[in-house]
Amino acid sequence: MIHGAWLPRAVPAPRDLERLSFADDLDDRLSSLDPGLQAAARAVAADLIQEGERHPE
């Protein structure tokens, strides 16, 4: 709510702005999680990639 008060008008970012994906943030620290959580994080990353392929901006 505070952010909304500071920025009452949302302005989209430029379309050519390079963005990182969730998968880009999965690094060596992922190995510190238990195997089930590692698998869940990788599955979410894969789902997000597939969703992006179905609905490109």
N, C-alpha and C. Protein backbone atom coordinates (compact mmCIF):
# COMPACT_ATOMS: atom_id res chain seq x y z
N MET A 1 0.82 -1.19 0.00
CA MET A 1 0.00 0.00 0.00
C MET A 1 0.87 1.26 0.00
N ILE A 2 1.95 1.21 0.75
CA ILE A 2 2.82 2.38 0.78
C ILE A 2 3.40 2.65 -0.60
N HIS A 3 3.83 1.58 -1.28
CA HIS A 3 4.38 1.74 -2.62
C HIS A 3 3.34 2.37 -3.54
N GLY A 4 2.09 1.97 -3.39
CA GLY A 4 1.03 2.53 -4.20
C GLY A 4 0.83 4.01 -3.95
N ALA A 5 1.07 4.43 -2.71
CA ALA A 5 0.95 5.85 -2.39
C ALA A 5 2.08 6.65 -3.01
N TRP A 6 3.26 6.03 -3.08
CA TRP A 6 4.41 6.73 -3.67
C TRP A 6 4.32 6.77 -5.18
N LEU A 7 3.80 5.73 -5.76
CA LEU A 7 3.70 5.63 -7.22
C LEU A 7 2.26 5.34 -7.62
N PRO A 8 1.41 6.34 -7.60
CA PRO A 8 0.00 6.08 -7.89
C PRO A 8 -0.26 5.66 -9.34
N ARG A 9 0.71 5.88 -10.21
CA ARG A 9 0.53 5.52 -11.63
C ARG A 9 1.61 4.52 -12.02
N ALA A 10 1.16 3.36 -12.48
CA ALA A 10 2.10 2.32 -12.91
C ALA A 10 2.55 2.61 -14.34
N VAL A 11 3.84 2.54 -14.56
CA VAL A 11 4.40 2.76 -15.89
C VAL A 11 5.15 1.50 -16.29
N PRO A 12 4.77 0.85 -17.37
CA PRO A 12 5.46 -0.38 -17.77
C PRO A 12 6.91 -0.12 -18.16
N ALA A 13 7.74 -1.11 -17.90
CA ALA A 13 9.15 -1.02 -18.29
C ALA A 13 9.25 -1.13 -19.80
N PRO A 14 10.31 -0.59 -20.38
CA PRO A 14 10.50 -0.72 -21.83
C PRO A 14 10.57 -2.20 -22.22
N ARG A 15 9.99 -2.52 -23.36
CA ARG A 15 9.95 -3.93 -23.80
C ARG A 15 11.34 -4.49 -24.08
N ASP A 16 12.29 -3.66 -24.45
CA ASP A 16 13.63 -4.15 -24.79
C ASP A 16 14.54 -4.27 -23.56
N LEU A 17 14.01 -4.01 -22.39
CA LEU A 17 14.78 -4.12 -21.16
C LEU A 17 15.11 -5.58 -20.88
N GLU A 18 16.38 -5.88 -20.69
CA GLU A 18 16.78 -7.26 -20.40
C GLU A 18 16.30 -7.64 -19.00
N ARG A 19 15.68 -8.80 -18.90
CA ARG A 19 15.15 -9.28 -17.63
C ARG A 19 15.74 -10.65 -17.33
N LEU A 20 15.98 -10.90 -16.05
CA LEU A 20 16.40 -12.22 -15.62
C LEU A 20 15.16 -13.05 -15.33
N SER A 21 15.29 -14.33 -15.54
CA SER A 21 14.18 -15.23 -15.23
C SER A 21 14.43 -15.87 -13.87
N PHE A 22 13.41 -16.52 -13.35
CA PHE A 22 13.54 -17.26 -12.10
C PHE A 22 14.66 -18.29 -12.24
N ALA A 23 14.72 -18.96 -13.38
CA ALA A 23 15.74 -19.98 -13.60
C ALA A 23 17.15 -19.40 -13.55
N ASP A 24 17.30 -18.14 -13.96
CA ASP A 24 18.61 -17.49 -13.92
C ASP A 24 19.13 -17.34 -12.49
N ASP A 25 18.22 -17.31 -11.52
CA ASP A 25 18.61 -17.15 -10.12
C ASP A 25 18.93 -18.47 -9.43
N LEU A 26 18.70 -19.57 -10.10
CA LEU A 26 19.01 -20.88 -9.49
C LEU A 26 20.50 -21.15 -9.69
N ASP A 27 21.24 -21.08 -8.62
CA ASP A 27 22.69 -21.26 -8.72
C ASP A 27 23.14 -22.31 -7.71
N ASP A 28 24.41 -22.29 -7.36
CA ASP A 28 24.99 -23.29 -6.47
C ASP A 28 24.31 -23.34 -5.10
N ARG A 29 23.71 -22.23 -4.69
CA ARG A 29 23.04 -22.21 -3.38
C ARG A 29 21.86 -23.16 -3.34
N LEU A 30 21.32 -23.50 -4.50
CA LEU A 30 20.20 -24.43 -4.56
C LEU A 30 20.60 -25.77 -3.96
N SER A 31 21.85 -26.16 -4.10
CA SER A 31 22.31 -27.45 -3.58
C SER A 31 22.28 -27.51 -2.05
N SER A 32 22.12 -26.36 -1.39
CA SER A 32 22.04 -26.38 0.07
C SER A 32 20.64 -26.78 0.57
N LEU A 33 19.68 -26.83 -0.34
CA LEU A 33 18.32 -27.25 0.02
C LEU A 33 18.20 -28.77 -0.02
N ASP A 34 17.18 -29.27 0.66
CA ASP A 34 16.98 -30.72 0.58
C ASP A 34 16.52 -31.07 -0.83
N PRO A 35 16.73 -32.32 -1.26
CA PRO A 35 16.45 -32.70 -2.65
C PRO A 35 15.02 -32.41 -3.11
N GLY A 36 14.05 -32.55 -2.22
CA GLY A 36 12.66 -32.28 -2.60
C GLY A 36 12.44 -30.81 -2.94
N LEU A 37 13.05 -29.92 -2.16
CA LEU A 37 12.93 -28.50 -2.44
C LEU A 37 13.71 -28.10 -3.69
N GLN A 38 14.85 -28.75 -3.92
CA GLN A 38 15.60 -28.49 -5.15
C GLN A 38 14.74 -28.85 -6.37
N ALA A 39 14.11 -30.01 -6.29
CA ALA A 39 13.26 -30.46 -7.40
C ALA A 39 12.08 -29.52 -7.61
N ALA A 40 11.49 -29.05 -6.51
CA ALA A 40 10.36 -28.13 -6.62
C ALA A 40 10.79 -26.82 -7.29
N ALA A 41 11.93 -26.29 -6.90
CA ALA A 41 12.42 -25.04 -7.49
C ALA A 41 12.69 -25.22 -8.97
N ARG A 42 13.30 -26.33 -9.33
CA ARG A 42 13.57 -26.59 -10.76
C ARG A 42 12.27 -26.77 -11.55
N ALA A 43 11.27 -27.41 -10.94
CA ALA A 43 9.98 -27.60 -11.61
C ALA A 43 9.29 -26.26 -11.84
N VAL A 44 9.34 -25.37 -10.86
CA VAL A 44 8.76 -24.04 -11.01
C VAL A 44 9.46 -23.29 -12.14
N ALA A 45 10.79 -23.36 -12.17
CA ALA A 45 11.55 -22.69 -13.23
C ALA A 45 11.14 -23.22 -14.60
N ALA A 46 11.01 -24.54 -14.71
CA ALA A 46 10.62 -25.14 -16.00
C ALA A 46 9.21 -24.70 -16.39
N ASP A 47 8.29 -24.67 -15.43
CA ASP A 47 6.92 -24.24 -15.72
C ASP A 47 6.90 -22.79 -16.19
N LEU A 48 7.68 -21.94 -15.55
CA LEU A 48 7.71 -20.53 -15.94
C LEU A 48 8.29 -20.35 -17.34
N ILE A 49 9.29 -21.15 -17.68
CA ILE A 49 9.87 -21.09 -19.03
C ILE A 49 8.83 -21.52 -20.05
N GLN A 50 8.12 -22.63 -19.77
CA GLN A 50 7.09 -23.10 -20.70
C GLN A 50 5.96 -22.10 -20.84
N GLU A 51 5.57 -21.48 -19.73
CA GLU A 51 4.51 -20.48 -19.77
C GLU A 51 4.94 -19.29 -20.63
N GLY A 52 6.20 -18.88 -20.50
CA GLY A 52 6.71 -17.79 -21.32
C GLY A 52 6.73 -18.13 -22.80
N GLU A 53 6.96 -19.40 -23.12
CA GLU A 53 6.96 -19.82 -24.52
C GLU A 53 5.55 -19.81 -25.08
N ARG A 54 4.56 -20.09 -24.23
CA ARG A 54 3.18 -20.09 -24.70
C ARG A 54 2.62 -18.68 -24.81
N HIS A 55 3.13 -17.77 -23.96
CA HIS A 55 2.59 -16.41 -23.93
C HIS A 55 3.72 -15.39 -24.00
N PRO A 56 4.43 -15.32 -25.13
CA PRO A 56 5.51 -14.31 -25.22
C PRO A 56 4.92 -12.91 -25.14
N GLU A 57 5.70 -11.99 -24.62
CA GLU A 57 5.22 -10.61 -24.47
C GLU A 57 5.14 -9.93 -25.78
